[in-house]
Amino acid sequence: MDFTIKEISTEEVTLKSPIDKMVIERVISESPCDSVEINIMFTLIIIIMIEEGFILLNEENEVIDIIKIDLQLLKKWQSSSGALQLNLVMCGFNDIPLKLLISPLGATVLVNLVIKELNAETYTTCLTLGSYVFTSRFTSPITYHICTNQLATALKDKVTSAVKSRILSYHGSASASLIGLPEEVLFNIVMYLPIKDINNVSKTCKRLNYVLNKEILWHALLKRDFGVDQCTNDLWKMTYKRKYTEEEDNKLRQAHRHAGSMHDHMDYSDFISYIDNPMWDFM
């Protein structure tokens, strides 16, 4: 069967190695027509995991070279449900075995990376098959389009970076990433920051922004900044915003009163629009 592979990317292609492309071509040539795309997806995920610094192992904990990946090996890893189960370790951390589960679910693929030694912590992402692999069957030869860079980014954001950070944290090594840190650690980080810095980091750090959606955090911030430990409606974030606005209002009134400003004569409602700070947009 004649075919071509076209990589769709605005950046430098991820399949830099001729071996990677050779493996993809081999899997395509060996696959039945009705399973070509999912087998390409399986293979791409495995290649990306290896390029991200993970090592593929067999049942005897021997390293599997990427060049050996073919349809027969994919079938060996595949369970009766159609999901692939692979054994991995992170390079340099052979004492922590990992289990990679790749499960086709209709038009999507569920990827789970399980850290077995750490209470089976699992990092997951769900990928739409057609977003990363699709076929132009009405061309001659048939063209298989792959979006390797986008797939690598999706796996890195949701799975590989988190697992790397968690393993480094477990071994007491520093990591530049907050991904993978327990929520209570992120909570403690935020509690050291003044409210304006919390606003700034929320714009640039997805992980911390996730924590900022927790009402329990705003309960703690309300108690820290205003000594308030009760809220009638349990909307701690909105209560914090109201208290912050009132305090800024009082500060402005005091400042303008001493300066003899026309703001002395403003109603409270006038001040609300005046001090409606865009910092609250992140809320």
Foldseek 3Di string as FASTA:
>chain_A
DDEAEAEDDPDPDPPPDPLLVVQLVQQQVPDDPVCNLVSSVVLLVVVLCVVLQKFWADPVRDTDDNSPDYPVVQVVQADPQGKGWTWIDGPPCVVWIWIWIWHDDDQKIKIWIFRVVPVRDIWIDIGGSVVAWDWDVPDVVIYIYGHSVVVSVRCCVTPDVLVVCLVCVVVVHDDPDPRVPDLVVLLVVLVVDDPLVLLVVLVPHVVNVVSVVDLVSLLVVCCVPPVDNDDDVSNSVVVSVVVVLVVVVVVVCVVCVVVVHPCVPDDPVVSCVVPVDCSVVSD
